[in-house]
């Protein structure tokens, strides 16, 4: 099965975003000869190039051709999920963004990598089955809550075995900076009514009883909900010990995604929140990559536990 000892590998990352895959590879000690990234968002590219200036940006996935690349050892990607998500309109493969999944399939056939990984949201079983039929393997569902202070269930299809990560039992109190004073604070005098649940306070500013995610503050002894990609800055809040409901900082959101502190600090806070919501939970991906350590192709793998 081995393709022979190789000191560095070639990686093709589709829908690369801010390159969480590259952070994960580095975390487990897998060294890249070339890291090819297909991404069109200029802010995500800016963050990637600040942290990994040797990244080879390829632009739109529709323009990438396997014949233009060297042998790819690892193909990874998280195709846009707006057409699949329970939080969206669930347009399935009629959504132009979700059709990009077939670009992953195309490049999988063109590049013939030894290993590959695809991530996507939890979706209707009928949608999931379409992806499974094209890839030929069943997905593994992993909740980021096992390695972070965030509940975030995602599906992972891969052509190598994946097991569940060990629960690190992280809570919001483990990632909140209690010395941070420059925060947006919810004006308690504006709250018309509120409801207490096990994990958060739901409040209402309009008096109409709307229980929207942006009017919610999570307790320090709980997990945060899934970090959103749209309107994220208004939807990430925590209840401090003094009862104040405050917005999480971009750095705290980086911690929710197990991204290094300050990784996204070269763009505006608005872009940081959105980008982090679109990204991967790095420690989940690092855990998945750890299952490649037995192959000679990844002989630079370190023994660090992730």
C-alpha atoms as a PDB file:
ATOM      1  CA  UNK A   1       0.000   0.000   0.000  1.00  0.00           C
ATOM      2  CA  UNK A   2       2.890   2.344   0.678  1.00  0.00           C
ATOM      3  CA  UNK A   3       4.055   4.596  -2.121  1.00  0.00           C
ATOM      4  CA  UNK A   4       7.527   4.766  -0.637  1.00  0.00           C
ATOM      5  CA  UNK A   5       9.335   6.976   1.822  1.00  0.00           C
ATOM      6  CA  UNK A   6       8.849  10.660   1.137  1.00  0.00           C
ATOM      7  CA  UNK A   7      10.101  13.522   3.307  1.00  0.00           C
ATOM      8  CA  UNK A   8       7.438  16.006   2.221  1.00  0.00           C
ATOM      9  CA  UNK A   9       4.037  15.707   0.609  1.00  0.00           C
ATOM     10  CA  UNK A  10       1.960  17.614  -1.923  1.00  0.00           C
ATOM     11  CA  UNK A  11      -1.419  18.786  -0.653  1.00  0.00           C
ATOM     12  CA  UNK A  12      -4.337  20.202  -2.626  1.00  0.00           C
ATOM     13  CA  UNK A  13      -6.877  22.013  -0.467  1.00  0.00           C
ATOM     14  CA  UNK A  14     -10.146  22.973  -2.140  1.00  0.00           C
ATOM     15  CA  UNK A  15     -12.317  25.733  -0.652  1.00  0.00           C
ATOM     16  CA  UNK A  16      -9.271  26.365   1.524  1.00  0.00           C
ATOM     17  CA  UNK A  17     -10.634  29.400   3.381  1.00  0.00           C
ATOM     18  CA  UNK A  18      -8.079  30.616   5.905  1.00  0.00           C
ATOM     19  CA  UNK A  19      -6.155  27.321   5.597  1.00  0.00           C
ATOM     20  CA  UNK A  20      -7.230  25.503   8.760  1.00  0.00           C
ATOM     21  CA  UNK A  21      -6.055  22.328   7.039  1.00  0.00           C
ATOM     22  CA  UNK A  22      -2.545  23.715   6.923  1.00  0.00           C
ATOM     23  CA  UNK A  23      -2.633  24.561  10.635  1.00  0.00           C
ATOM     24  CA  UNK A  24      -3.742  20.990  11.371  1.00  0.00           C
ATOM     25  CA  UNK A  25      -1.008  19.437   9.217  1.00  0.00           C
ATOM     26  CA  UNK A  26       1.620  21.526  10.969  1.00  0.00           C
ATOM     27  CA  UNK A  27       0.200  20.620  14.355  1.00  0.00           C
ATOM     28  CA  UNK A  28       0.767  16.905  13.775  1.00  0.00           C
ATOM     29  CA  UNK A  29       4.129  17.390  12.088  1.00  0.00           C
ATOM     30  CA  UNK A  30       3.198  16.531   8.500  1.00  0.00           C
ATOM     31  CA  UNK A  31       5.460  18.617   6.275  1.00  0.00           C
ATOM     32  CA  UNK A  32       4.364  19.883   2.862  1.00  0.00           C
ATOM     33  CA  UNK A  33       6.548  20.180  -0.206  1.00  0.00           C
ATOM     34  CA  UNK A  34       3.715  22.098  -1.852  1.00  0.00           C
ATOM     35  CA  UNK A  35       0.434  23.262  -0.375  1.00  0.00           C
ATOM     36  CA  UNK A  36      -1.914  24.236  -3.191  1.00  0.00           C
ATOM     37  CA  UNK A  37      -4.954  26.231  -2.079  1.00  0.00           C
ATOM     38  CA  UNK A  38      -8.074  26.911  -4.100  1.00  0.00           C
ATOM     39  CA  UNK A  39      -9.861  29.927  -2.612  1.00  0.00           C
ATOM     40  CA  UNK A  40     -11.526  33.086  -3.953  1.00  0.00           C
ATOM     41  CA  UNK A  41     -12.223  35.111  -0.797  1.00  0.00           C
ATOM     42  CA  UNK A  42      -9.598  37.861  -0.672  1.00  0.00           C
ATOM     43  CA  UNK A  43      -9.732  38.200   3.120  1.00  0.00           C
ATOM     44  CA  UNK A  44      -9.255  34.470   3.690  1.00  0.00           C
ATOM     45  CA  UNK A  45      -6.345  34.513   1.246  1.00  0.00           C
ATOM     46  CA  UNK A  46      -4.858  37.479   3.101  1.00  0.00           C
ATOM     47  CA  UNK A  47      -4.954  35.589   6.386  1.00  0.00           C
ATOM     48  CA  UNK A  48      -3.472  32.458   4.816  1.00  0.00           C
ATOM     49  CA  UNK A  49      -0.598  34.288   3.158  1.00  0.00           C
ATOM     50  CA  UNK A  50       0.219  36.153   6.368  1.00  0.00           C
ATOM     51  CA  UNK A  51       0.595  32.891   8.244  1.00  0.00           C
ATOM     52  CA  UNK A  52       1.784  30.619   5.411  1.00  0.00           C
ATOM     53  CA  UNK A  53       3.458  32.813   2.768  1.00  0.00           C
ATOM     54  CA  UNK A  54       4.608  29.788   0.751  1.00  0.00           C
ATOM     55  CA  UNK A  55       1.022  28.719   0.045  1.00  0.00           C
ATOM     56  CA  UNK A  56       0.392  28.417  -3.689  1.00  0.00           C
ATOM     57  CA  UNK A  57      -2.970  30.065  -4.370  1.00  0.00           C
ATOM     58  CA  UNK A  58      -4.818  28.656  -7.401  1.00  0.00           C
ATOM     59  CA  UNK A  59      -8.006  30.747  -7.406  1.00  0.00           C
ATOM     60  CA  UNK A  60     -11.420  29.310  -8.250  1.00  0.00           C
ATOM     61  CA  UNK A  61     -11.831  25.552  -7.952  1.00  0.00           C
ATOM     62  CA  UNK A  62     -13.500  25.514 -11.365  1.00  0.00           C
ATOM     63  CA  UNK A  63     -10.189  26.606 -12.925  1.00  0.00           C
ATOM     64  CA  UNK A  64      -8.013  24.022 -11.183  1.00  0.00           C
ATOM     65  CA  UNK A  65      -6.861  21.110 -13.355  1.00  0.00           C
ATOM     66  CA  UNK A  66      -5.178  18.001 -12.061  1.00  0.00           C
ATOM     67  CA  UNK A  67      -2.941  17.890 -15.117  1.00  0.00           C
ATOM     68  CA  UNK A  68      -1.356  21.209 -14.107  1.00  0.00           C
ATOM     69  CA  UNK A  69      -0.246  19.891 -10.717  1.00  0.00           C
ATOM     70  CA  UNK A  70       2.417  17.472  -9.488  1.00  0.00           C
ATOM     71  CA  UNK A  71       1.302  14.188  -7.927  1.00  0.00           C
ATOM     72  CA  UNK A  72      -1.063  15.082  -5.086  1.00  0.00           C
ATOM     73  CA  UNK A  73      -0.630  12.948  -1.977  1.00  0.00           C
ATOM     74  CA  UNK A  74      -3.501  14.423   0.050  1.00  0.00           C
ATOM     75  CA  UNK A  75      -6.674  16.115  -1.230  1.00  0.00           C
ATOM     76  CA  UNK A  76      -8.813  17.931   1.337  1.00  0.00           C
ATOM     77  CA  UNK A  77     -11.811  20.215   1.260  1.00  0.00           C
ATOM     78  CA  UNK A  78     -15.004  21.413   2.866  1.00  0.00           C
ATOM     79  CA  UNK A  79     -17.279  22.293  -0.025  1.00  0.00           C
ATOM     80  CA  UNK A  80     -19.772  25.143   0.552  1.00  0.00           C
ATOM     81  CA  UNK A  81     -22.658  23.905   2.657  1.00  0.00           C
ATOM     82  CA  UNK A  82     -25.356  26.559   2.193  1.00  0.00           C
ATOM     83  CA  UNK A  83     -27.455  24.251   0.042  1.00  0.00           C
ATOM     84  CA  UNK A  84     -27.350  21.416   2.569  1.00  0.00           C
ATOM     85  CA  UNK A  85     -27.523  23.045   5.991  1.00  0.00           C
ATOM     86  CA  UNK A  86     -30.563  22.651   8.221  1.00  0.00           C
ATOM     87  CA  UNK A  87     -30.032  26.341   9.014  1.00  0.00           C
ATOM     88  CA  UNK A  88     -30.340  27.291   5.343  1.00  0.00           C
ATOM     89  CA  UNK A  89     -32.954  26.782   2.642  1.00  0.00           C
ATOM     90  CA  UNK A  90     -31.845  23.189   2.003  1.00  0.00           C
ATOM     91  CA  UNK A  91     -31.827  23.618  -1.755  1.00  0.00           C
ATOM     92  CA  UNK A  92     -29.727  20.490  -2.111  1.00  0.00           C
ATOM     93  CA  UNK A  93     -27.655  20.211  -5.298  1.00  0.00           C
ATOM     94  CA  UNK A  94     -29.738  22.852  -7.076  1.00  0.00           C
ATOM     95  CA  UNK A  95     -27.846  25.469  -5.060  1.00  0.00           C
ATOM     96  CA  UNK A  96     -24.945  26.813  -7.141  1.00  0.00           C
ATOM     97  CA  UNK A  97     -22.635  26.746  -4.123  1.00  0.00           C
ATOM     98  CA  UNK A  98     -23.421  23.142  -3.243  1.00  0.00           C
ATOM     99  CA  UNK A  99     -22.810  22.076  -6.835  1.00  0.00           C
ATOM    100  CA  UNK A 100     -19.167  22.807  -6.112  1.00  0.00           C
ATOM    101  CA  UNK A 101     -19.063  19.436  -4.369  1.00  0.00           C
ATOM    102  CA  UNK A 102     -18.805  17.926  -7.835  1.00  0.00           C
ATOM    103  CA  UNK A 103     -15.590  19.896  -8.381  1.00  0.00           C
ATOM    104  CA  UNK A 104     -14.156  17.944  -5.452  1.00  0.00           C
ATOM    105  CA  UNK A 105     -15.283  14.722  -7.156  1.00  0.00           C
ATOM    106  CA  UNK A 106     -13.749  15.863 -10.462  1.00  0.00           C
ATOM    107  CA  UNK A 107     -10.376  16.665  -8.916  1.00  0.00           C
ATOM    108  CA  UNK A 108     -10.431  13.466  -6.904  1.00  0.00           C
ATOM    109  CA  UNK A 109     -10.608  11.595 -10.219  1.00  0.00           C
ATOM    110  CA  UNK A 110      -8.050  13.818 -11.952  1.00  0.00           C
ATOM    111  CA  UNK A 111      -5.448  13.891  -9.171  1.00  0.00           C
ATOM    112  CA  UNK A 112      -5.874  10.354  -7.833  1.00  0.00           C
ATOM    113  CA  UNK A 113      -4.415  11.231  -4.416  1.00  0.00           C
ATOM    114  CA  UNK A 114      -3.408   8.476  -2.054  1.00  0.00           C
ATOM    115  CA  UNK A 115      -5.542  10.014   0.685  1.00  0.00           C
ATOM    116  CA  UNK A 116      -8.448  12.430   0.746  1.00  0.00           C
ATOM    117  CA  UNK A 117     -10.841  14.072   3.207  1.00  0.00           C
ATOM    118  CA  UNK A 118     -14.130  15.910   2.665  1.00  0.00           C
ATOM    119  CA  UNK A 119     -16.020  17.810   5.368  1.00  0.00           C
ATOM    120  CA  UNK A 120     -19.588  19.068   5.354  1.00  0.00           C
ATOM    121  CA  UNK A 121     -22.490  19.934   7.629  1.00  0.00           C
ATOM    122  CA  UNK A 122     -24.994  17.491   9.063  1.00  0.00           C
ATOM    123  CA  UNK A 123     -27.768  17.389   6.475  1.00  0.00           C
ATOM    124  CA  UNK A 124     -30.853  15.492   5.373  1.00  0.00           C
ATOM    125  CA  UNK A 125     -30.064  11.818   4.885  1.00  0.00           C
ATOM    126  CA  UNK A 126     -31.043  11.980   1.214  1.00  0.00           C
ATOM    127  CA  UNK A 127     -28.473  14.732   0.581  1.00  0.00           C
ATOM    128  CA  UNK A 128     -25.825  12.887   2.587  1.00  0.00           C
ATOM    129  CA  UNK A 129     -26.432   9.735   0.580  1.00  0.00           C
ATOM    130  CA  UNK A 130     -25.724  11.504  -2.723  1.00  0.00           C
ATOM    131  CA  UNK A 131     -22.295  12.525  -1.433  1.00  0.00           C
ATOM    132  CA  UNK A 132     -21.686   9.041  -0.020  1.00  0.00           C
ATOM    133  CA  UNK A 133     -22.558   7.384  -3.329  1.00  0.00           C
ATOM    134  CA  UNK A 134     -20.115   9.598  -5.230  1.00  0.00           C
ATOM    135  CA  UNK A 135     -17.286   9.082  -2.747  1.00  0.00           C
ATOM    136  CA  UNK A 136     -17.905   5.424  -2.017  1.00  0.00           C
ATOM    137  CA  UNK A 137     -17.532   5.671   1.767  1.00  0.00           C
ATOM    138  CA  UNK A 138     -19.841   6.470   4.682  1.00  0.00           C
ATOM    139  CA  UNK A 139     -19.149   9.641   6.674  1.00  0.00           C
ATOM    140  CA  UNK A 140     -18.108   9.823  10.310  1.00  0.00           C
ATOM    141  CA  UNK A 141     -19.947  12.381  12.446  1.00  0.00           C
ATOM    142  CA  UNK A 142     -17.728  14.250  14.908  1.00  0.00           C
ATOM    143  CA  UNK A 143     -18.784  16.986  17.299  1.00  0.00           C
ATOM    144  CA  UNK A 144     -16.149  19.669  17.858  1.00  0.00           C
ATOM    145  CA  UNK A 145     -17.359  19.724  21.478  1.00  0.00           C
ATOM    146  CA  UNK A 146     -14.974  16.824  22.110  1.00  0.00           C
ATOM    147  CA  UNK A 147     -11.922  19.011  21.488  1.00  0.00           C
ATOM    148  CA  UNK A 148     -13.230  22.552  22.005  1.00  0.00           C
ATOM    149  CA  UNK A 149     -15.729  24.686  23.932  1.00  0.00           C
ATOM    150  CA  UNK A 150     -18.132  24.691  20.985  1.00  0.00           C
ATOM    151  CA  UNK A 151     -20.915  22.345  19.903  1.00  0.00           C
ATOM    152  CA  UNK A 152     -20.356  21.854  16.175  1.00  0.00           C
ATOM    153  CA  UNK A 153     -21.391  18.604  14.514  1.00  0.00           C
ATOM    154  CA  UNK A 154     -19.874  17.899  11.124  1.00  0.00           C
ATOM    155  CA  UNK A 155     -19.626  14.961   8.713  1.00  0.00           C
ATOM    156  CA  UNK A 156     -16.250  13.709   7.496  1.00  0.00           C
ATOM    157  CA  UNK A 157     -15.784  11.414   4.504  1.00  0.00           C
ATOM    158  CA  UNK A 158     -12.299   9.925   4.105  1.00  0.00           C
ATOM    159  CA  UNK A 159     -10.611   6.974   2.428  1.00  0.00           C
ATOM    160  CA  UNK A 160      -8.827   6.028   5.655  1.00  0.00           C
ATOM    161  CA  UNK A 161     -10.222   4.992   9.072  1.00  0.00           C
ATOM    162  CA  UNK A 162     -11.309   7.730  11.497  1.00  0.00           C
ATOM    163  CA  UNK A 163     -12.170   7.298  15.160  1.00  0.00           C
ATOM    164  CA  UNK A 164     -13.758   9.709  17.626  1.00  0.00           C
ATOM    165  CA  UNK A 165     -11.360  12.024  19.462  1.00  0.00           C
ATOM    166  CA  UNK A 166     -10.960  11.901  23.232  1.00  0.00           C
ATOM    167  CA  UNK A 167     -13.175  14.358  25.095  1.00  0.00           C
ATOM    168  CA  UNK A 168     -11.037  17.215  26.444  1.00  0.00           C
ATOM    169  CA  UNK A 169     -14.018  18.484  28.480  1.00  0.00           C
ATOM    170  CA  UNK A 170     -13.412  22.116  27.543  1.00  0.00           C
ATOM    171  CA  UNK A 171     -15.969  24.757  28.544  1.00  0.00           C
ATOM    172  CA  UNK A 172     -16.371  28.450  27.802  1.00  0.00           C
ATOM    173  CA  UNK A 173     -14.647  29.348  31.071  1.00  0.00           C
ATOM    174  CA  UNK A 174     -11.507  27.714  29.630  1.00  0.00           C
ATOM    175  CA  UNK A 175     -11.316  30.049  26.627  1.00  0.00           C
ATOM    176  CA  UNK A 176     -12.730  33.350  27.929  1.00  0.00           C
ATOM    177  CA  UNK A 177     -10.241  36.095  28.772  1.00  0.00           C
ATOM    178  CA  UNK A 178     -11.553  37.501  32.042  1.00  0.00           C
ATOM    179  CA  UNK A 179      -9.138  40.446  31.825  1.00  0.00           C
ATOM    180  CA  UNK A 180     -10.662  41.636  28.543  1.00  0.00           C
ATOM    181  CA  UNK A 181     -12.594  44.848  29.184  1.00  0.00           C
ATOM    182  CA  UNK A 182     -13.067  46.142  25.635  1.00  0.00           C
ATOM    183  CA  UNK A 183     -16.280  44.247  24.944  1.00  0.00           C
ATOM    184  CA  UNK A 184     -19.740  44.894  23.576  1.00  0.00           C
ATOM    185  CA  UNK A 185     -22.144  44.489  26.485  1.00  0.00           C
ATOM    186  CA  UNK A 186     -25.877  43.846  26.229  1.00  0.00           C
ATOM    187  CA  UNK A 187     -27.813  46.688  27.865  1.00  0.00           C
ATOM    188  CA  UNK A 188     -29.886  44.898  30.502  1.00  0.00           C
ATOM    189  CA  UNK A 189     -32.369  47.780  30.633  1.00  0.00           C
ATOM    190  CA  UNK A 190     -33.441  46.934  27.069  1.00  0.00           C
ATOM    191  CA  UNK A 191     -34.303  43.307  27.820  1.00  0.00           C
ATOM    192  CA  UNK A 192     -38.083  42.841  27.835  1.00  0.00           C
ATOM    193  CA  UNK A 193     -38.048  39.216  28.942  1.00  0.00           C
ATOM    194  CA  UNK A 194     -35.673  36.295  29.225  1.00  0.00           C
ATOM    195  CA  UNK A 195     -35.700  32.523  29.573  1.00  0.00           C
ATOM    196  CA  UNK A 196     -33.127  30.359  31.309  1.00  0.00           C
ATOM    197  CA  UNK A 197     -32.090  27.046  29.783  1.00  0.00           C
ATOM    198  CA  UNK A 198     -29.452  24.518  30.815  1.00  0.00           C
ATOM    199  CA  UNK A 199     -26.718  26.070  28.679  1.00  0.00           C
ATOM    200  CA  UNK A 200     -27.726  29.666  28.024  1.00  0.00           C
ATOM    201  CA  UNK A 201     -29.953  32.644  28.720  1.00  0.00           C
ATOM    202  CA  UNK A 202     -32.362  33.499  25.908  1.00  0.00           C
ATOM    203  CA  UNK A 203     -33.471  37.113  26.035  1.00  0.00           C
ATOM    204  CA  UNK A 204     -35.817  39.310  24.027  1.00  0.00           C
ATOM    205  CA  UNK A 205     -35.251  42.966  23.214  1.00  0.00           C
ATOM    206  CA  UNK A 206     -38.399  43.463  21.147  1.00  0.00           C
ATOM    207  CA  UNK A 207     -41.011  42.086  23.501  1.00  0.00           C
ATOM    208  CA  UNK A 208     -42.355  39.887  20.685  1.00  0.00           C
ATOM    209  CA  UNK A 209     -40.985  36.649  22.078  1.00  0.00           C
ATOM    210  CA  UNK A 210     -38.543  35.956  19.258  1.00  0.00           C
ATOM    211  CA  UNK A 211     -35.946  33.454  20.432  1.00  0.00           C
ATOM    212  CA  UNK A 212     -33.206  34.272  17.944  1.00  0.00           C
ATOM    213  CA  UNK A 213     -29.612  33.127  18.236  1.00  0.00           C
ATOM    214  CA  UNK A 214     -28.316  36.695  18.363  1.00  0.00           C
ATOM    215  CA  UNK A 215     -30.242  37.235  21.607  1.00  0.00           C
ATOM    216  CA  UNK A 216     -28.606  34.464  23.558  1.00  0.00           C
ATOM    217  CA  UNK A 217     -25.803  34.329  26.114  1.00  0.00           C
ATOM    218  CA  UNK A 218     -24.103  31.034  26.998  1.00  0.00           C
ATOM    219  CA  UNK A 219     -23.052  30.176  30.535  1.00  0.00           C
ATOM    220  CA  UNK A 220     -19.364  29.891  31.356  1.00  0.00           C
ATOM    221  CA  UNK A 221     -19.857  26.306  32.562  1.00  0.00           C
ATOM    222  CA  UNK A 222     -21.302  25.207  29.209  1.00  0.00           C
ATOM    223  CA  UNK A 223     -20.351  24.943  25.553  1.00  0.00           C
ATOM    224  CA  UNK A 224     -21.109  27.679  23.049  1.00  0.00           C
ATOM    225  CA  UNK A 225     -23.389  26.917  20.131  1.00  0.00           C
ATOM    226  CA  UNK A 226     -22.014  26.476  16.623  1.00  0.00           C
ATOM    227  CA  UNK A 227     -20.008  29.512  15.615  1.00  0.00           C
ATOM    228  CA  UNK A 228     -22.027  31.014  12.735  1.00  0.00           C
ATOM    229  CA  UNK A 229     -20.624  32.387   9.485  1.00  0.00           C
ATOM    230  CA  UNK A 230     -23.237  35.108   8.991  1.00  0.00           C
ATOM    231  CA  UNK A 231     -23.877  37.897  11.476  1.00  0.00           C
ATOM    232  CA  UNK A 232     -21.425  36.101  13.704  1.00  0.00           C
ATOM    233  CA  UNK A 233     -20.400  39.056  15.862  1.00  0.00           C
ATOM    234  CA  UNK A 234     -23.944  39.450  17.222  1.00  0.00           C
ATOM    235  CA  UNK A 235     -24.419  35.723  17.827  1.00  0.00           C
ATOM    236  CA  UNK A 236     -21.404  34.916  19.996  1.00  0.00           C
ATOM    237  CA  UNK A 237     -22.093  35.872  23.596  1.00  0.00           C
ATOM    238  CA  UNK A 238     -21.336  34.600  27.062  1.00  0.00           C
ATOM    239  CA  UNK A 239     -22.793  35.321  30.499  1.00  0.00           C
ATOM    240  CA  UNK A 240     -20.027  36.424  32.875  1.00  0.00           C
ATOM    241  CA  UNK A 241     -20.031  35.673  36.594  1.00  0.00           C
ATOM    242  CA  UNK A 242     -21.399  39.142  37.333  1.00  0.00           C
ATOM    243  CA  UNK A 243     -24.423  38.418  35.149  1.00  0.00           C
ATOM    244  CA  UNK A 244     -23.341  40.627  32.244  1.00  0.00           C
ATOM    245  CA  UNK A 245     -24.029  39.266  28.761  1.00  0.00           C
ATOM    246  CA  UNK A 246     -21.024  40.144  26.618  1.00  0.00           C
ATOM    247  CA  UNK A 247     -19.814  39.468  23.097  1.00  0.00           C
ATOM    248  CA  UNK A 248     -16.928  37.068  22.631  1.00  0.00           C
ATOM    249  CA  UNK A 249     -13.810  38.626  21.145  1.00  0.00           C
ATOM    250  CA  UNK A 250     -12.303  37.448  17.848  1.00  0.00           C
ATOM    251  CA  UNK A 251      -9.475  35.782  19.789  1.00  0.00           C
ATOM    252  CA  UNK A 252     -11.979  33.877  21.916  1.00  0.00           C
ATOM    253  CA  UNK A 253     -13.702  32.743  18.727  1.00  0.00           C
ATOM    254  CA  UNK A 254     -10.323  31.602  17.426  1.00  0.00           C
ATOM    255  CA  UNK A 255     -10.123  29.492  20.569  1.00  0.00           C
ATOM    256  CA  UNK A 256     -13.587  28.060  19.901  1.00  0.00           C
ATOM    257  CA  UNK A 257     -12.187  26.814  16.587  1.00  0.00           C
ATOM    258  CA  UNK A 258      -8.841  25.835  18.199  1.00  0.00           C
ATOM    259  CA  UNK A 259      -7.096  28.290  15.884  1.00  0.00           C
ATOM    260  CA  UNK A 260      -3.935  29.975  17.247  1.00  0.00           C
ATOM    261  CA  UNK A 261      -4.538  33.277  19.029  1.00  0.00           C
ATOM    262  CA  UNK A 262      -4.213  36.200  16.618  1.00  0.00           C
ATOM    263  CA  UNK A 263      -4.154  34.009  13.515  1.00  0.00           C
ATOM    264  CA  UNK A 264      -6.812  36.174  11.790  1.00  0.00           C
ATOM    265  CA  UNK A 265      -5.750  39.556  13.152  1.00  0.00           C
ATOM    266  CA  UNK A 266      -4.716  41.032   9.792  1.00  0.00           C
ATOM    267  CA  UNK A 267      -8.322  41.659   8.708  1.00  0.00           C
ATOM    268  CA  UNK A 268     -11.279  43.498  10.246  1.00  0.00           C
ATOM    269  CA  UNK A 269     -13.178  42.016  13.170  1.00  0.00           C
ATOM    270  CA  UNK A 270     -16.227  41.592  10.928  1.00  0.00           C
ATOM    271  CA  UNK A 271     -14.201  39.460   8.548  1.00  0.00           C
ATOM    272  CA  UNK A 272     -12.577  37.575  11.414  1.00  0.00           C
ATOM    273  CA  UNK A 273     -15.904  36.495  12.923  1.00  0.00           C
ATOM    274  CA  UNK A 274     -17.293  35.394   9.554  1.00  0.00           C
ATOM    275  CA  UNK A 275     -14.104  33.602   8.533  1.00  0.00           C
ATOM    276  CA  UNK A 276     -13.898  31.675  11.774  1.00  0.00           C
ATOM    277  CA  UNK A 277     -17.521  30.619  11.416  1.00  0.00           C
ATOM    278  CA  UNK A 278     -16.730  29.288   7.945  1.00  0.00           C
ATOM    279  CA  UNK A 279     -13.577  27.513   9.065  1.00  0.00           C
ATOM    280  CA  UNK A 280     -12.758  24.102  10.435  1.00  0.00           C
ATOM    281  CA  UNK A 281     -12.190  23.182  14.069  1.00  0.00           C
ATOM    282  CA  UNK A 282      -8.453  22.656  13.749  1.00  0.00           C
ATOM    283  CA  UNK A 283      -8.065  20.061  16.491  1.00  0.00           C
ATOM    284  CA  UNK A 284     -10.709  17.844  14.872  1.00  0.00           C
ATOM    285  CA  UNK A 285      -8.801  17.928  11.572  1.00  0.00           C
ATOM    286  CA  UNK A 286      -5.471  17.366  13.331  1.00  0.00           C
ATOM    287  CA  UNK A 287      -6.988  14.359  15.079  1.00  0.00           C
ATOM    288  CA  UNK A 288      -8.161  12.987  11.714  1.00  0.00           C
ATOM    289  CA  UNK A 289      -4.739  13.525  10.143  1.00  0.00           C
ATOM    290  CA  UNK A 290      -3.158  11.653  13.060  1.00  0.00           C
ATOM    291  CA  UNK A 291      -4.540   8.421  11.560  1.00  0.00           C
ATOM    292  CA  UNK A 292      -2.152   8.837   8.636  1.00  0.00           C
ATOM    293  CA  UNK A 293       0.940   8.503  10.811  1.00  0.00           C
ATOM    294  CA  UNK A 294       1.431   4.810  10.106  1.00  0.00           C
ATOM    295  CA  UNK A 295       2.161   5.348   6.421  1.00  0.00           C
ATOM    296  CA  UNK A 296       5.704   5.922   5.194  1.00  0.00           C
ATOM    297  CA  UNK A 297       4.507   8.807   3.058  1.00  0.00           C
ATOM    298  CA  UNK A 298       3.975  10.749   6.274  1.00  0.00           C
ATOM    299  CA  UNK A 299       7.243   9.723   7.888  1.00  0.00           C
ATOM    300  CA  UNK A 300       7.767  13.198   9.374  1.00  0.00           C
ATOM    301  CA  UNK A 301       4.779  12.743  11.652  1.00  0.00           C
ATOM    302  CA  UNK A 302       5.592  13.776  15.221  1.00  0.00           C
ATOM    303  CA  UNK A 303       4.470  11.942  18.323  1.00  0.00           C
ATOM    304  CA  UNK A 304       2.595  14.940  19.704  1.00  0.00           C
ATOM    305  CA  UNK A 305      -0.854  14.082  20.995  1.00  0.00           C
ATOM    306  CA  UNK A 306      -3.635  16.158  19.469  1.00  0.00           C
END
